[in-house]
Structure formats: C-alpha cells, structure tokens
Amino acid sequence: MMDLSWMAWTWQTATFFIVIALLILAMGLWERIDPGGGPRHGVLGLDTTRGDRLFISLLGSAYIHLGWLALTSAPLWGATVISVIFALAVYRWV
C-alpha cells in the first residue's frame, strides 16, 4: 500500500479536484448534447473550441491563484472571484 501522508489532502484540495472533474464531465455532456460547438475566432486571433476555452480558463485561473499567493496574504476568495470573472471573459470573447 502506498503512503500518501505527505500530501495535504484537506477539504479544499478535495474540492479543487472535484470541481475540475465536474467541469470536464459537464464539458463532455455539453459536447454530447450539442456536438461541435464550432470554433470561434476570438480577441486573441485564435480559433478556439469549448474545450480550448476551458483549458485556457483553468490555466489562467492557476496563474491568477499563484500570483495572488505570491503578492498578497489575503484569503484566496479574491483570486477565486477574479478567476471566475476571467473564465466568463474567456468564454465570451476568446
């Protein structure tokens, strides 16, 4: 049996991974209900699909949280709010 005691499995960590899994599941269901979704030409000049926009949102959110941790000692709720706004902007304009 593997010893995973070195990992910080808190409820926040579990929530993080559950949310990622639910987002991927929701994206799969959305694709099944409405296949394709068609690529869009966004502000960045890239043709992106729904999956691309999800990936950009998740990656950007990771950087927002890392920057928040590096620059401030405030609770992460602020970074989470900024990340949600960022994701909505990505889905709207990218």
C-alpha atoms as a PDB file:
ATOM      1  CA  MET A   1       0.000   0.000   0.000  1.00  0.00           C
ATOM      2  CA  MET A   2       1.272   3.486  -0.923  1.00  0.00           C
ATOM      3  CA  ASP A   3       1.868   6.023   1.815  1.00  0.00           C
ATOM      4  CA  LEU A   4       0.143   9.256   0.790  1.00  0.00           C
ATOM      5  CA  SER A   5       0.584  11.005   4.125  1.00  0.00           C
ATOM      6  CA  TRP A   6       2.955  13.534   2.527  1.00  0.00           C
ATOM      7  CA  MET A   7       0.035  15.001   0.567  1.00  0.00           C
ATOM      8  CA  ALA A   8      -2.051  17.771   2.087  1.00  0.00           C
ATOM      9  CA  TRP A   9      -5.488  16.275   1.463  1.00  0.00           C
ATOM     10  CA  THR A  10      -7.702  18.899   3.026  1.00  0.00           C
ATOM     11  CA  TRP A  11     -11.316  19.575   2.093  1.00  0.00           C
ATOM     12  CA  GLN A  12     -10.079  22.461  -0.054  1.00  0.00           C
ATOM     13  CA  THR A  13      -7.789  20.157  -2.024  1.00  0.00           C
ATOM     14  CA  ALA A  14     -10.565  17.622  -2.495  1.00  0.00           C
ATOM     15  CA  THR A  15     -12.961  20.378  -3.595  1.00  0.00           C
ATOM     16  CA  PHE A  16     -10.402  21.615  -6.128  1.00  0.00           C
ATOM     17  CA  PHE A  17     -10.075  18.205  -7.783  1.00  0.00           C
ATOM     18  CA  ILE A  18     -13.818  17.530  -7.629  1.00  0.00           C
ATOM     19  CA  VAL A  19     -14.572  20.865  -9.336  1.00  0.00           C
ATOM     20  CA  ILE A  20     -12.046  20.100 -12.110  1.00  0.00           C
ATOM     21  CA  ALA A  21     -13.588  16.652 -12.624  1.00  0.00           C
ATOM     22  CA  LEU A  22     -17.114  18.120 -12.691  1.00  0.00           C
ATOM     23  CA  LEU A  23     -16.058  20.764 -15.226  1.00  0.00           C
ATOM     24  CA  ILE A  24     -14.629  18.097 -17.524  1.00  0.00           C
ATOM     25  CA  LEU A  25     -17.759  15.965 -17.079  1.00  0.00           C
ATOM     26  CA  ALA A  26     -20.025  18.950 -17.795  1.00  0.00           C
ATOM     27  CA  MET A  27     -17.983  19.783 -20.900  1.00  0.00           C
ATOM     28  CA  GLY A  28     -18.331  16.179 -22.089  1.00  0.00           C
ATOM     29  CA  LEU A  29     -22.090  16.220 -21.530  1.00  0.00           C
ATOM     30  CA  TRP A  30     -22.420  19.580 -23.275  1.00  0.00           C
ATOM     31  CA  GLU A  31     -20.481  18.182 -26.245  1.00  0.00           C
ATOM     32  CA  ARG A  32     -22.721  15.117 -26.314  1.00  0.00           C
ATOM     33  CA  ILE A  33     -25.909  17.222 -26.261  1.00  0.00           C
ATOM     34  CA  ASP A  34     -24.649  19.882 -28.704  1.00  0.00           C
ATOM     35  CA  PRO A  35     -21.780  18.371 -30.743  1.00  0.00           C
ATOM     36  CA  GLY A  36     -19.108  20.554 -32.217  1.00  0.00           C
ATOM     37  CA  GLY A  37     -19.857  23.907 -30.740  1.00  0.00           C
ATOM     38  CA  GLY A  38     -17.954  25.312 -33.692  1.00  0.00           C
ATOM     39  CA  PRO A  39     -14.639  27.093 -33.425  1.00  0.00           C
ATOM     40  CA  ARG A  40     -14.795  30.819 -32.757  1.00  0.00           C
ATOM     41  CA  HIS A  41     -12.318  33.467 -33.799  1.00  0.00           C
ATOM     42  CA  GLY A  42     -11.703  35.485 -30.661  1.00  0.00           C
ATOM     43  CA  VAL A  43      -9.909  38.591 -29.487  1.00  0.00           C
ATOM     44  CA  LEU A  44      -6.521  36.850 -29.429  1.00  0.00           C
ATOM     45  CA  GLY A  45      -6.845  35.924 -33.095  1.00  0.00           C
ATOM     46  CA  LEU A  46      -7.114  32.217 -32.304  1.00  0.00           C
ATOM     47  CA  ASP A  47      -9.782  29.788 -33.393  1.00  0.00           C
ATOM     48  CA  THR A  48     -10.907  28.105 -30.172  1.00  0.00           C
ATOM     49  CA  THR A  49     -13.424  25.428 -29.278  1.00  0.00           C
ATOM     50  CA  ARG A  50     -15.243  24.998 -25.976  1.00  0.00           C
ATOM     51  CA  GLY A  51     -12.557  22.613 -24.746  1.00  0.00           C
ATOM     52  CA  ASP A  52      -9.816  25.102 -25.655  1.00  0.00           C
ATOM     53  CA  ARG A  53     -11.609  27.833 -23.736  1.00  0.00           C
ATOM     54  CA  LEU A  54     -11.991  25.532 -20.703  1.00  0.00           C
ATOM     55  CA  PHE A  55      -8.267  24.773 -20.809  1.00  0.00           C
ATOM     56  CA  ILE A  56      -7.357  28.475 -21.142  1.00  0.00           C
ATOM     57  CA  SER A  57      -9.692  29.279 -18.227  1.00  0.00           C
ATOM     58  CA  LEU A  58      -8.197  26.596 -15.970  1.00  0.00           C
ATOM     59  CA  LEU A  59      -4.617  27.517 -16.842  1.00  0.00           C
ATOM     60  CA  GLY A  60      -5.285  31.228 -16.366  1.00  0.00           C
ATOM     61  CA  SER A  61      -7.004  30.557 -13.054  1.00  0.00           C
ATOM     62  CA  ALA A  62      -3.970  28.620 -11.844  1.00  0.00           C
ATOM     63  CA  TYR A  63      -1.712  31.566 -12.667  1.00  0.00           C
ATOM     64  CA  ILE A  64      -4.118  34.031 -11.039  1.00  0.00           C
ATOM     65  CA  HIS A  65      -4.077  31.978  -7.827  1.00  0.00           C
ATOM     66  CA  LEU A  66      -0.284  31.599  -7.885  1.00  0.00           C
ATOM     67  CA  GLY A  67       0.129  35.331  -8.418  1.00  0.00           C
ATOM     68  CA  TRP A  68      -2.314  36.024  -5.600  1.00  0.00           C
ATOM     69  CA  LEU A  69      -0.336  33.779  -3.253  1.00  0.00           C
ATOM     70  CA  ALA A  70       2.930  35.445  -4.273  1.00  0.00           C
ATOM     71  CA  LEU A  71       1.731  39.037  -3.964  1.00  0.00           C
ATOM     72  CA  THR A  72      -0.699  39.094  -1.060  1.00  0.00           C
ATOM     73  CA  SER A  73      -1.535  37.326   2.170  1.00  0.00           C
ATOM     74  CA  ALA A  74      -5.277  37.882   1.720  1.00  0.00           C
ATOM     75  CA  PRO A  75      -7.596  34.845   1.559  1.00  0.00           C
ATOM     76  CA  LEU A  76      -7.838  33.086  -1.789  1.00  0.00           C
ATOM     77  CA  TRP A  77     -11.511  34.003  -2.231  1.00  0.00           C
ATOM     78  CA  GLY A  78     -10.393  37.155  -4.027  1.00  0.00           C
ATOM     79  CA  ALA A  79      -8.354  35.138  -6.516  1.00  0.00           C
ATOM     80  CA  THR A  80     -11.278  32.778  -6.998  1.00  0.00           C
ATOM     81  CA  VAL A  81     -13.623  35.664  -7.795  1.00  0.00           C
ATOM     82  CA  ILE A  82     -11.090  37.072 -10.276  1.00  0.00           C
ATOM     83  CA  SER A  83     -10.713  33.594 -11.806  1.00  0.00           C
ATOM     84  CA  VAL A  84     -14.469  33.222 -12.316  1.00  0.00           C
ATOM     85  CA  ILE A  85     -14.610  36.640 -13.981  1.00  0.00           C
ATOM     86  CA  PHE A  86     -11.615  35.646 -16.113  1.00  0.00           C
ATOM     87  CA  ALA A  87     -13.316  32.379 -17.148  1.00  0.00           C
ATOM     88  CA  LEU A  88     -16.518  34.207 -18.080  1.00  0.00           C
ATOM     89  CA  ALA A  89     -14.478  36.662 -20.171  1.00  0.00           C
ATOM     90  CA  VAL A  90     -12.641  33.803 -21.886  1.00  0.00           C
ATOM     91  CA  TYR A  91     -15.912  32.094 -22.791  1.00  0.00           C
ATOM     92  CA  ARG A  92     -17.366  35.370 -24.024  1.00  0.00           C
ATOM     93  CA  TRP A  93     -14.505  36.907 -26.000  1.00  0.00           C
ATOM     94  CA  VAL A  94     -11.773  34.329 -26.690  1.00  0.00           C
END
